[in-house]
Amino acid sequence: MSGFDIAAADSREGGLDTPVLVALRRLPARQREAVVLRVLLDLDVETTAKQLGVAPGTVRAHLSRAMTALRRELGTEVAPITQMRTA
């Protein structure tokens, strides 16, 4: 999944705010990939884990760390993952 294009996922989701994209790009690659697959592409944890070649618990850890980093950088703009997923 290396080199995944956030802009491509962003265009599918109707656009993200620039500060969110900047913050996503600053995340370590695995955390960014987990967020893109789980949140932007709305894959479940198990599918995300298969795509990344890791255990589901590793995906959860990456997501937790990523969301903490995003909240730190963006403040209260970052909603919990369950609220960020598309319907």
C-alpha atoms as a PDB file:
ATOM      1  CA  MET A   1       0.000   0.000   0.000  1.00  0.00           C
ATOM      2  CA  SER A   2       3.066   2.192   0.022  1.00  0.00           C
ATOM      3  CA  GLY A   3       2.607   5.510  -1.730  1.00  0.00           C
ATOM      4  CA  PHE A   4      -1.190   5.466  -1.447  1.00  0.00           C
ATOM      5  CA  ASP A   5      -2.617   8.660  -2.903  1.00  0.00           C
ATOM      6  CA  ILE A   6      -4.606  10.516  -0.251  1.00  0.00           C
ATOM      7  CA  ALA A   7      -5.883  12.919  -2.904  1.00  0.00           C
ATOM      8  CA  ALA A   8      -7.522  10.014  -4.769  1.00  0.00           C
ATOM      9  CA  ALA A   9      -9.330   8.886  -1.620  1.00  0.00           C
ATOM     10  CA  ASP A  10     -10.174  12.498  -0.837  1.00  0.00           C
ATOM     11  CA  SER A  11     -11.833  12.999  -4.212  1.00  0.00           C
ATOM     12  CA  ARG A  12     -14.037   9.939  -3.582  1.00  0.00           C
ATOM     13  CA  GLU A  13     -15.167  11.388  -0.262  1.00  0.00           C
ATOM     14  CA  GLY A  14     -16.265  14.761  -1.581  1.00  0.00           C
ATOM     15  CA  GLY A  15     -13.223  16.624  -0.319  1.00  0.00           C
ATOM     16  CA  LEU A  16     -11.403  17.102   2.937  1.00  0.00           C
ATOM     17  CA  ASP A  17     -10.314  20.353   4.506  1.00  0.00           C
ATOM     18  CA  THR A  18      -6.748  21.284   3.664  1.00  0.00           C
ATOM     19  CA  PRO A  19      -5.624  21.207   7.340  1.00  0.00           C
ATOM     20  CA  VAL A  20      -6.872  17.607   7.572  1.00  0.00           C
ATOM     21  CA  LEU A  21      -4.971  16.589   4.447  1.00  0.00           C
ATOM     22  CA  VAL A  22      -1.806  18.274   5.714  1.00  0.00           C
ATOM     23  CA  ALA A  23      -2.171  16.505   9.073  1.00  0.00           C
ATOM     24  CA  LEU A  24      -2.778  13.146   7.363  1.00  0.00           C
ATOM     25  CA  ARG A  25       0.343  13.554   5.265  1.00  0.00           C
ATOM     26  CA  ARG A  26       2.396  14.186   8.416  1.00  0.00           C
ATOM     27  CA  LEU A  27       1.420  10.848   9.959  1.00  0.00           C
ATOM     28  CA  PRO A  28       3.809   7.902   9.706  1.00  0.00           C
ATOM     29  CA  ALA A  29       3.011   5.849   6.605  1.00  0.00           C
ATOM     30  CA  ARG A  30       1.332   2.902   8.368  1.00  0.00           C
ATOM     31  CA  GLN A  31      -0.859   5.155  10.480  1.00  0.00           C
ATOM     32  CA  ARG A  32      -1.853   7.172   7.412  1.00  0.00           C
ATOM     33  CA  GLU A  33      -2.620   4.006   5.449  1.00  0.00           C
ATOM     34  CA  ALA A  34      -4.760   2.641   8.280  1.00  0.00           C
ATOM     35  CA  VAL A  35      -6.753   5.887   8.469  1.00  0.00           C
ATOM     36  CA  VAL A  36      -7.271   6.049   4.707  1.00  0.00           C
ATOM     37  CA  LEU A  37      -8.430   2.429   4.470  1.00  0.00           C
ATOM     38  CA  ARG A  38     -10.539   2.364   7.621  1.00  0.00           C
ATOM     39  CA  VAL A  39     -12.011   5.862   7.651  1.00  0.00           C
ATOM     40  CA  LEU A  40     -11.913   7.302   4.154  1.00  0.00           C
ATOM     41  CA  LEU A  41     -12.534   4.072   2.255  1.00  0.00           C
ATOM     42  CA  ASP A  42     -14.787   2.663   5.017  1.00  0.00           C
ATOM     43  CA  LEU A  43     -13.178  -0.778   5.152  1.00  0.00           C
ATOM     44  CA  ASP A  44     -13.691  -2.850   8.280  1.00  0.00           C
ATOM     45  CA  VAL A  45     -10.767  -3.590  10.584  1.00  0.00           C
ATOM     46  CA  GLU A  46     -10.296  -7.126   9.289  1.00  0.00           C
ATOM     47  CA  THR A  47     -10.190  -6.032   5.643  1.00  0.00           C
ATOM     48  CA  THR A  48      -7.854  -3.177   6.497  1.00  0.00           C
ATOM     49  CA  ALA A  49      -5.577  -5.630   8.294  1.00  0.00           C
ATOM     50  CA  LYS A  50      -5.506  -7.934   5.255  1.00  0.00           C
ATOM     51  CA  GLN A  51      -4.711  -5.015   2.938  1.00  0.00           C
ATOM     52  CA  LEU A  52      -1.834  -3.927   5.180  1.00  0.00           C
ATOM     53  CA  GLY A  53      -0.634  -7.463   5.917  1.00  0.00           C
ATOM     54  CA  VAL A  54      -0.939  -7.033   9.683  1.00  0.00           C
ATOM     55  CA  ALA A  55      -3.129  -8.303  12.529  1.00  0.00           C
ATOM     56  CA  PRO A  56      -6.423  -6.523  13.310  1.00  0.00           C
ATOM     57  CA  GLY A  57      -4.996  -5.441  16.673  1.00  0.00           C
ATOM     58  CA  THR A  58      -2.152  -3.713  14.857  1.00  0.00           C
ATOM     59  CA  VAL A  59      -4.668  -1.783  12.742  1.00  0.00           C
ATOM     60  CA  ARG A  60      -6.459  -0.676  15.915  1.00  0.00           C
ATOM     61  CA  ALA A  61      -3.154   0.449  17.434  1.00  0.00           C
ATOM     62  CA  HIS A  62      -2.223   2.409  14.300  1.00  0.00           C
ATOM     63  CA  LEU A  63      -5.661   4.031  14.258  1.00  0.00           C
ATOM     64  CA  SER A  64      -5.478   4.943  17.924  1.00  0.00           C
ATOM     65  CA  ARG A  65      -2.068   6.555  17.545  1.00  0.00           C
ATOM     66  CA  ALA A  66      -3.100   8.315  14.343  1.00  0.00           C
ATOM     67  CA  MET A  67      -6.262   9.744  15.853  1.00  0.00           C
ATOM     68  CA  THR A  68      -4.334  10.950  18.900  1.00  0.00           C
ATOM     69  CA  ALA A  69      -1.825  12.691  16.619  1.00  0.00           C
ATOM     70  CA  LEU A  70      -4.577  14.203  14.470  1.00  0.00           C
ATOM     71  CA  ARG A  71      -6.475  15.486  17.501  1.00  0.00           C
ATOM     72  CA  ARG A  72      -3.263  16.979  18.874  1.00  0.00           C
ATOM     73  CA  GLU A  73      -2.544  18.749  15.593  1.00  0.00           C
ATOM     74  CA  LEU A  74      -6.087  19.737  14.620  1.00  0.00           C
ATOM     75  CA  GLY A  75      -7.617  20.232  18.043  1.00  0.00           C
ATOM     76  CA  THR A  76     -11.252  19.264  18.428  1.00  0.00           C
ATOM     77  CA  GLU A  77     -11.810  19.107  14.648  1.00  0.00           C
ATOM     78  CA  VAL A  78     -11.241  15.333  14.583  1.00  0.00           C
ATOM     79  CA  ALA A  79     -14.328  13.283  15.338  1.00  0.00           C
ATOM     80  CA  PRO A  80     -14.182   9.738  16.705  1.00  0.00           C
ATOM     81  CA  ILE A  81     -13.721   7.136  13.969  1.00  0.00           C
ATOM     82  CA  THR A  82     -17.318   5.959  14.267  1.00  0.00           C
ATOM     83  CA  GLN A  83     -18.522   9.465  13.395  1.00  0.00           C
ATOM     84  CA  MET A  84     -16.041   9.892  10.520  1.00  0.00           C
ATOM     85  CA  ARG A  85     -17.146   6.808   8.627  1.00  0.00           C
ATOM     86  CA  THR A  86     -19.514   7.373   5.746  1.00  0.00           C
ATOM     87  CA  ALA A  87     -23.022   6.005   5.897  1.00  0.00           C
END
